Amino acid sequence: MTLGLLPLETELPLPPFAFGLIAFGLLVLLLAVTVAIGKGRPHS
Protein backbone atom coordinates (compact mmCIF):
# COMPACT_ATOMS: atom_id res chain seq x y z
CA MET A 1 0.00 0.00 0.00
CA THR A 2 1.65 3.21 -1.12
CA LEU A 3 1.06 6.59 0.48
CA GLY A 4 0.80 8.26 -2.91
CA LEU A 5 -2.42 9.96 -3.97
CA LEU A 6 -4.84 7.88 -5.97
CA PRO A 7 -6.10 9.34 -9.28
CA LEU A 8 -9.54 9.90 -7.73
CA GLU A 9 -8.05 11.76 -4.76
CA THR A 10 -6.20 14.21 -7.00
CA GLU A 11 -9.40 15.36 -8.73
CA LEU A 12 -10.82 17.98 -6.38
CA PRO A 13 -14.42 19.20 -6.71
CA LEU A 14 -13.05 22.72 -6.07
CA PRO A 15 -9.84 24.45 -7.14
CA PRO A 16 -7.00 24.23 -4.56
CA PHE A 17 -7.18 27.97 -3.83
CA ALA A 18 -10.87 27.55 -2.95
CA PHE A 19 -9.94 24.94 -0.33
CA GLY A 20 -7.32 27.36 0.99
CA LEU A 21 -9.82 30.22 1.24
CA ILE A 22 -12.39 28.00 2.97
CA ALA A 23 -9.80 26.70 5.45
CA PHE A 24 -8.55 30.23 6.14
CA GLY A 25 -12.11 31.47 6.61
CA LEU A 26 -12.85 28.71 9.11
CA LEU A 27 -9.68 29.54 11.06
CA VAL A 28 -10.57 33.24 11.15
CA LEU A 29 -14.12 32.39 12.26
CA LEU A 30 -12.84 30.16 15.07
CA LEU A 31 -10.38 32.87 16.11
CA ALA A 32 -13.17 35.48 16.17
CA VAL A 33 -15.36 33.21 18.32
CA THR A 34 -12.46 32.54 20.70
CA VAL A 35 -11.68 36.25 21.03
CA ALA A 36 -15.35 37.07 21.56
CA ILE A 37 -15.62 34.49 24.35
CA GLY A 38 -12.33 35.63 25.88
CA LYS A 39 -13.43 39.28 26.00
CA GLY A 40 -16.33 38.36 28.30
CA ARG A 41 -14.08 36.60 30.82
CA PRO A 42 -11.66 38.98 32.55
CA HIS A 43 -8.48 37.26 33.66
CA SER A 44 -7.47 37.48 37.30
PDB file of N, CA and C in Angstrom:
ATOM      1  N   MET A   1       0.859  -1.206   0.000  1.00  0.00           N
ATOM      2  CA  MET A   1       0.000   0.000   0.000  1.00  0.00           C
ATOM      3  C   MET A   1       0.880   1.236   0.000  1.00  0.00           C
ATOM      4  N   THR A   2       0.827   2.010  -1.047  1.00  0.00           N
ATOM      5  CA  THR A   2       1.652   3.214  -1.118  1.00  0.00           C
ATOM      6  C   THR A   2       0.902   4.395  -0.529  1.00  0.00           C
ATOM      7  N   LEU A   3       1.667   5.401  -0.096  1.00  0.00           N
ATOM      8  CA  LEU A   3       1.059   6.590   0.481  1.00  0.00           C
ATOM      9  C   LEU A   3       0.774   7.643  -0.577  1.00  0.00           C
ATOM     10  N   GLY A   4       1.036   7.299  -1.836  1.00  0.00           N
ATOM     11  CA  GLY A   4       0.798   8.256  -2.913  1.00  0.00           C
ATOM     12  C   GLY A   4      -0.685   8.484  -3.127  1.00  0.00           C
ATOM     13  N   LEU A   5      -1.016   9.639  -3.722  1.00  0.00           N
ATOM     14  CA  LEU A   5      -2.416   9.962  -3.969  1.00  0.00           C
ATOM     15  C   LEU A   5      -2.965   9.095  -5.096  1.00  0.00           C
ATOM     16  N   LEU A   6      -4.179   8.622  -4.905  1.00  0.00           N
ATOM     17  CA  LEU A   6      -4.844   7.883  -5.969  1.00  0.00           C
ATOM     18  C   LEU A   6      -5.368   8.872  -7.001  1.00  0.00           C
ATOM     19  N   PRO A   7      -5.582   8.423  -8.235  1.00  0.00           N
ATOM     20  CA  PRO A   7      -6.102   9.336  -9.283  1.00  0.00           C
ATOM     21  C   PRO A   7      -7.401  10.015  -8.868  1.00  0.00           C
ATOM     22  N   LEU A   8      -8.267   9.311  -8.150  1.00  0.00           N
ATOM     23  CA  LEU A   8      -9.542   9.903  -7.734  1.00  0.00           C
ATOM     24  C   LEU A   8      -9.328  10.982  -6.679  1.00  0.00           C
ATOM     25  N   GLU A   9      -8.285  10.811  -5.844  1.00  0.00           N
ATOM     26  CA  GLU A   9      -8.052  11.762  -4.764  1.00  0.00           C
ATOM     27  C   GLU A   9      -7.436  13.063  -5.282  1.00  0.00           C
ATOM     28  N   THR A  10      -6.833  13.015  -6.474  1.00  0.00           N
ATOM     29  CA  THR A  10      -6.200  14.214  -7.005  1.00  0.00           C
ATOM     30  C   THR A  10      -7.211  15.110  -7.723  1.00  0.00           C
ATOM     31  N   GLU A  11      -8.377  14.555  -8.051  1.00  0.00           N
ATOM     32  CA  GLU A  11      -9.396  15.364  -8.729  1.00  0.00           C
ATOM     33  C   GLU A  11     -10.301  16.009  -7.687  1.00  0.00           C
ATOM     34  N   LEU A  12     -10.050  17.283  -7.396  1.00  0.00           N
ATOM     35  CA  LEU A  12     -10.816  17.983  -6.380  1.00  0.00           C
ATOM     36  C   LEU A  12     -12.083  18.577  -6.985  1.00  0.00           C
ATOM     37  N   PRO A  13     -13.181  18.576  -6.224  1.00  0.00           N
ATOM     38  CA  PRO A  13     -14.417  19.202  -6.710  1.00  0.00           C
ATOM     39  C   PRO A  13     -14.280  20.722  -6.782  1.00  0.00           C
ATOM     40  N   LEU A  14     -13.317  21.280  -6.049  1.00  0.00           N
ATOM     41  CA  LEU A  14     -13.053  22.720  -6.070  1.00  0.00           C
ATOM     42  C   LEU A  14     -11.589  22.944  -6.394  1.00  0.00           C
ATOM     43  N   PRO A  15     -11.244  24.133  -6.906  1.00  0.00           N
ATOM     44  CA  PRO A  15      -9.839  24.454  -7.142  1.00  0.00           C
ATOM     45  C   PRO A  15      -9.091  24.492  -5.813  1.00  0.00           C
ATOM     46  N   PRO A  16      -7.778  24.224  -5.808  1.00  0.00           N
ATOM     47  CA  PRO A  16      -6.995  24.229  -4.564  1.00  0.00           C
ATOM     48  C   PRO A  16      -7.098  25.547  -3.800  1.00  0.00           C
ATOM     49  N   PHE A  17      -7.125  26.680  -4.523  1.00  0.00           N
ATOM     50  CA  PHE A  17      -7.184  27.970  -3.828  1.00  0.00           C
ATOM     51  C   PHE A  17      -8.518  28.131  -3.102  1.00  0.00           C
ATOM     52  N   ALA A  18      -9.565  27.492  -3.622  1.00  0.00           N
ATOM     53  CA  ALA A  18     -10.868  27.552  -2.950  1.00  0.00           C
ATOM     54  C   ALA A  18     -10.801  26.819  -1.610  1.00  0.00           C
ATOM     55  N   PHE A  19     -10.126  25.663  -1.594  1.00  0.00           N
ATOM     56  CA  PHE A  19      -9.940  24.943  -0.333  1.00  0.00           C
ATOM     57  C   PHE A  19      -9.140  25.793   0.641  1.00  0.00           C
ATOM     58  N   GLY A  20      -8.133  26.491   0.132  1.00  0.00           N
ATOM     59  CA  GLY A  20      -7.317  27.361   0.987  1.00  0.00           C
ATOM     60  C   GLY A  20      -8.142  28.491   1.577  1.00  0.00           C
ATOM     61  N   LEU A  21      -8.981  29.112   0.749  1.00  0.00           N
ATOM     62  CA  LEU A  21      -9.817  30.217   1.236  1.00  0.00           C
ATOM     63  C   LEU A  21     -10.825  29.721   2.270  1.00  0.00           C
ATOM     64  N   ILE A  22     -11.411  28.560   2.022  1.00  0.00           N
ATOM     65  CA  ILE A  22     -12.386  27.999   2.966  1.00  0.00           C
ATOM     66  C   ILE A  22     -11.707  27.672   4.292  1.00  0.00           C
ATOM     67  N   ALA A  23     -10.530  27.043   4.229  1.00  0.00           N
ATOM     68  CA  ALA A  23      -9.803  26.696   5.451  1.00  0.00           C
ATOM     69  C   ALA A  23      -9.412  27.956   6.214  1.00  0.00           C
ATOM     70  N   PHE A  24      -8.935  28.973   5.496  1.00  0.00           N
ATOM     71  CA  PHE A  24      -8.547  30.232   6.136  1.00  0.00           C
ATOM     72  C   PHE A  24      -9.761  30.899   6.774  1.00  0.00           C
ATOM     73  N   GLY A  25     -10.879  30.872   6.072  1.00  0.00           N
ATOM     74  CA  GLY A  25     -12.106  31.469   6.606  1.00  0.00           C
ATOM     75  C   GLY A  25     -12.567  30.776   7.880  1.00  0.00           C
ATOM     76  N   LEU A  26     -12.462  29.441   7.906  1.00  0.00           N
ATOM     77  CA  LEU A  26     -12.850  28.706   9.112  1.00  0.00           C
ATOM     78  C   LEU A  26     -11.929  29.050  10.273  1.00  0.00           C
ATOM     79  N   LEU A  27     -10.632  29.175  10.006  1.00  0.00           N
ATOM     80  CA  LEU A  27      -9.685  29.536  11.060  1.00  0.00           C
ATOM     81  C   LEU A  27      -9.985  30.918  11.603  1.00  0.00           C
ATOM     82  N   VAL A  28     -10.257  31.876  10.714  1.00  0.00           N
ATOM     83  CA  VAL A  28     -10.575  33.241  11.151  1.00  0.00           C
ATOM     84  C   VAL A  28     -11.865  33.242  11.968  1.00  0.00           C
ATOM     85  N   LEU A  29     -12.852  32.465  11.540  1.00  0.00           N
ATOM     86  CA  LEU A  29     -14.124  32.390  12.264  1.00  0.00           C
ATOM     87  C   LEU A  29     -13.914  31.821  13.669  1.00  0.00           C
ATOM     88  N   LEU A  30     -13.129  30.751  13.762  1.00  0.00           N
ATOM     89  CA  LEU A  30     -12.844  30.165  15.073  1.00  0.00           C
ATOM     90  C   LEU A  30     -12.074  31.144  15.947  1.00  0.00           C
ATOM     91  N   LEU A  31     -11.140  31.873  15.354  1.00  0.00           N
ATOM     92  CA  LEU A  31     -10.382  32.871  16.110  1.00  0.00           C
ATOM     93  C   LEU A  31     -11.309  33.962  16.616  1.00  0.00           C
ATOM     94  N   ALA A  32     -12.228  34.423  15.777  1.00  0.00           N
ATOM     95  CA  ALA A  32     -13.167  35.477  16.169  1.00  0.00           C
ATOM     96  C   ALA A  32     -14.058  35.005  17.317  1.00  0.00           C
ATOM     97  N   VAL A  33     -14.522  33.757  17.252  1.00  0.00           N
ATOM     98  CA  VAL A  33     -15.360  33.208  18.324  1.00  0.00           C
ATOM     99  C   VAL A  33     -14.559  33.114  19.618  1.00  0.00           C
ATOM    100  N   THR A  34     -13.312  32.654  19.517  1.00  0.00           N
ATOM    101  CA  THR A  34     -12.459  32.535  20.703  1.00  0.00           C
ATOM    102  C   THR A  34     -12.209  33.895  21.335  1.00  0.00           C
ATOM    103  N   VAL A  35     -11.919  34.900  20.519  1.00  0.00           N
ATOM    104  CA  VAL A  35     -11.676  36.250  21.033  1.00  0.00           C
ATOM    105  C   VAL A  35     -12.945  36.806  21.669  1.00  0.00           C
ATOM    106  N   ALA A  36     -14.085  36.574  21.033  1.00  0.00           N
ATOM    107  CA  ALA A  36     -15.354  37.075  21.565  1.00  0.00           C
ATOM    108  C   ALA A  36     -15.654  36.457  22.931  1.00  0.00           C
ATOM    109  N   ILE A  37     -15.384  35.164  23.069  1.00  0.00           N
ATOM    110  CA  ILE A  37     -15.621  34.492  24.352  1.00  0.00           C
ATOM    111  C   ILE A  37     -14.615  34.992  25.386  1.00  0.00           C
ATOM    112  N   GLY A  38     -13.373  35.188  24.960  1.00  0.00           N
ATOM    113  CA  GLY A  38     -12.329  35.628  25.877  1.00  0.00           C
ATOM    114  C   GLY A  38     -12.569  37.037  26.396  1.00  0.00           C
ATOM    115  N   LYS A  39     -13.180  37.891  25.572  1.00  0.00           N
ATOM    116  CA  LYS A  39     -13.434  39.277  25.996  1.00  0.00           C
ATOM    117  C   LYS A  39     -14.407  39.316  27.175  1.00  0.00           C
ATOM    118  N   GLY A  40     -15.326  38.359  27.244  1.00  0.00           N
ATOM    119  CA  GLY A  40     -16.332  38.355  28.298  1.00  0.00           C
ATOM    120  C   GLY A  40     -15.842  37.752  29.606  1.00  0.00           C
ATOM    121  N   ARG A  41     -14.615  37.219  29.599  1.00  0.00           N
ATOM    122  CA  ARG A  41     -14.085  36.601  30.816  1.00  0.00           C
ATOM    123  C   ARG A  41     -12.801  37.312  31.223  1.00  0.00           C
ATOM    124  N   PRO A  42     -12.867  38.274  32.109  1.00  0.00           N
ATOM    125  CA  PRO A  42     -11.657  38.978  32.548  1.00  0.00           C
ATOM    126  C   PRO A  42     -10.727  38.039  33.314  1.00  0.00           C
ATOM    127  N   HIS A  43      -9.454  38.125  32.999  1.00  0.00           N
ATOM    128  CA  HIS A  43      -8.478  37.262  33.663  1.00  0.00           C
ATOM    129  C   HIS A  43      -8.077  37.869  34.995  1.00  0.00           C
ATOM    130  N   SER A  44      -7.849  36.995  35.974  1.00  0.00           N
ATOM    131  CA  SER A  44      -7.473  37.482  37.298  1.00  0.00           C
ATOM    132  C   SER A  44      -5.982  37.838  37.332  1.00  0.00           C
TER     133      SER A  44
END
